[in-house]
Amino acid sequence: MKDGPDFVIIGGMKCATSTLHDQLQQQPGMFLTEPKEPYFFSNDEVYAKGLDWYASLFKEAKDDDLCGESSTHYAKLPTYPKTIERLLAYKPDVKVVYVVRHPINRLVSQYIHGWTEQEFSFGIDKAIDQVPRLTEYSLYAMQLRPWIDAIGKDRIQLVFFDRLIKDSQYELERICKFLGYEGDPVWKDDLDASNVSAERERKSGLRDAIVYSKPMTLVRKKFVPQKFRDWVKGFWKMKGRPTISADRRSRLEKIFDHDLAELGVWFGLELNCENFKQVAMSQTPVWRDDAEIEDEKKNGKTGVVVIGRNEGERLKVCLQSAKQVCEDVVYVDSGSTDGSQDYAKSIGVDVVDLDMSVSFTMARGRNAGFERLLSRASDIEFVQFVDGDCEINADWLEKGRDYLQAHEDCAIVSGRRRERFLDASTYNRLTDVEWDTPIGDVKYCHGDAMMRMSVMQRVGGFNETLICGEEPELCVRVRQLGWKIHRLDCEMSLHDAAMTKFSQWWKRSLRAGWGYAEGAVMHGDKPEQHWRREMLSNWVYGFVIPLVAVLLSWVTWGLSLLLFTVYVRLYIRVYKSCMKQGHDERTARLYAKYTTLGKLPNAIGQLKYTINRLFGKQAKLIEYKAA
């Protein structure tokens, strides 16, 4: 008795997988499961039913049948990360079929499907903004890469949706040959297409319970004409295909184009959103040799993006250090009045002057530089982002590039950023401690970091609405796609914080609090819980403890003021942690002192963000250097 699949159709969702499943099921000697999508290896609650339950789905299969199942959840990263590991532990020799269509068309069909399931009660533009999986499930190269790493290309068959519909018999024969089917497959034209989104009715618990009850079904079918029933059902379906706005479509095309380019490299095809249907209708995807692809990747071309405003001599040092190690350097200026733009042009740096009538954020500046870099050198593989008050170490670009080339699962790499004038002020020394992040795989990077161009395009770049904390937020999205972020134990850059006054430190701490609150709102839920712990700590130490201690002092004869001793405990904990990292005693004392004191401006920053969000006000950049 068969106890599992010889092959699985893993997706993509809304790419005619149901139709292909039904057609294969019609072929003699083929057995496909009912239900079509058991989701066994992807969904935890189904996997909990056990292997015996899964094996029972194949109990009707003959010993010589070719068995399969079709679960589109198997290509839904990062939603279901355990699929491949579980499946290969059970069936290590399984084959995979993956059907793809134009990524935007697939996204729209998924939205319609979700609308009928009452997942979405809002328009498609808002869904694109707020529901990452709509985009993620159309990133075909991203979805396929873990399968390639796990089972190799020889056991994966890519199928173009458009070719499957246009030349169905040919594609069926090609798929069956790949699966090892020895019969003569025949495409059944009399089979209707399955699970078509446009034909789905929007669910309604009460209506469906009444209308589709057994008594009402009998009455409906016997006494109500079919035309009238179809007319009524029309009210329960989406009226026309939803239209994506021009700016959302443009953003999606940027994201999908790079993913399609990577997919195309594997098959020797030039793929993008504009030509996808034409290529899919006319080309048969055949895997290229890995050695040929690797030869093309060896150049590892790198570009540099610098952002700044009125950085003066600091910018000159930064641009000179970049030009010494890289030909492709872009400087993005945000309204300088000190001649920064003219100097950059004089040494051959490409300058982008941001339109300052539009609200400025550092994220917007970085994205503008990234886009200019792409437009002038499309073959660049890595981009080094650097702030205009930093100097790039002469050896860094080579070390960062070498690491990314050697570690294909890593998207972002950084090194040690140090303060140039460590002893110029207490606040510079504190900032230097912040830059001393752990070595190895990490969760976040700072503003100076080298990133894969392909990943940057895939995630849509930095979030331009953020006035701070844009790098950690980007890192969250990058890690959610399965990529790693790494910190090397080597020098990367020298930074000039130029922070000499308490007021500057206070404003910078206030900005950090804003970033914690906004980050927690965006990604604070499980499993990420981004900045959630930090935000709660700031609330407790910055507001809750002082308020409780003071307000209760009159009813506790002042005993509640003993709550302030928790700050001593916090100081000691931070001091010990800093010493453990290898800092000297003076630095550890300073860092513990200002970390403890910083809870207040952190909490105020969080409060400012909360009020701002509550009243729907537009955020304004918080600049500490001018304080």
Foldseek 3Di string as FASTA:
>chain_A
DFQDAQEEAQDAAPLLLVVLQVQQCPDPLAEEFPVQAQCCLFDPVNVVVDSNVSRVRCPPHDPRGHYYHYHNSLLQFPNGPRRVVVVCVVVVNHAYEYEAEQLVVSLLLVVLQCQLAVVDPDAPQVCVVAPVSSLSSSLVLLSCVVVCVRRNDLRYFYAYSLQCVVVVLVVSVVVCVSSVNPDRRDGDPPDDRPDGSQLRFRDDVVVCCPCVDPVNVVCCVPPPDPVVVVVVSVVRGDDDRGDHDPVSVVLSQLQNLLSQCVVCLQQVHRDGSVCNSVCNNPDGGDGDDPVVSVVLCVVQAEEEEEEDAQPPPLLVQALVLRVVQHPAYEYEYEDHPPCSVVVCVVVPHHYHDDDNVDAAAVQVRVVVRLVVSCVVCVSNFKYWYDYSNKHWDNCAVVVQSVVCSVDVQAFKEEEQEAAPCCPPALVSVLVNLVSPDDFFWDQFHDRTIMGTSSLCSNLSGWDRLDRDPRGSLSSVVSVSSVGIYGYHHDDTMYGHPLDHDPQLVLLVLLSVLLNLLVQCVSPCDPPVNRSVVVNVVLCCLQPVLVVQQVVCCVVVVNPSVCSVCVLVVQLVVQLVVSVVSPDDNVSSNSNSVCVSVSSNSSNVSSVVNVVCVVVVHRDHHRHSNVD
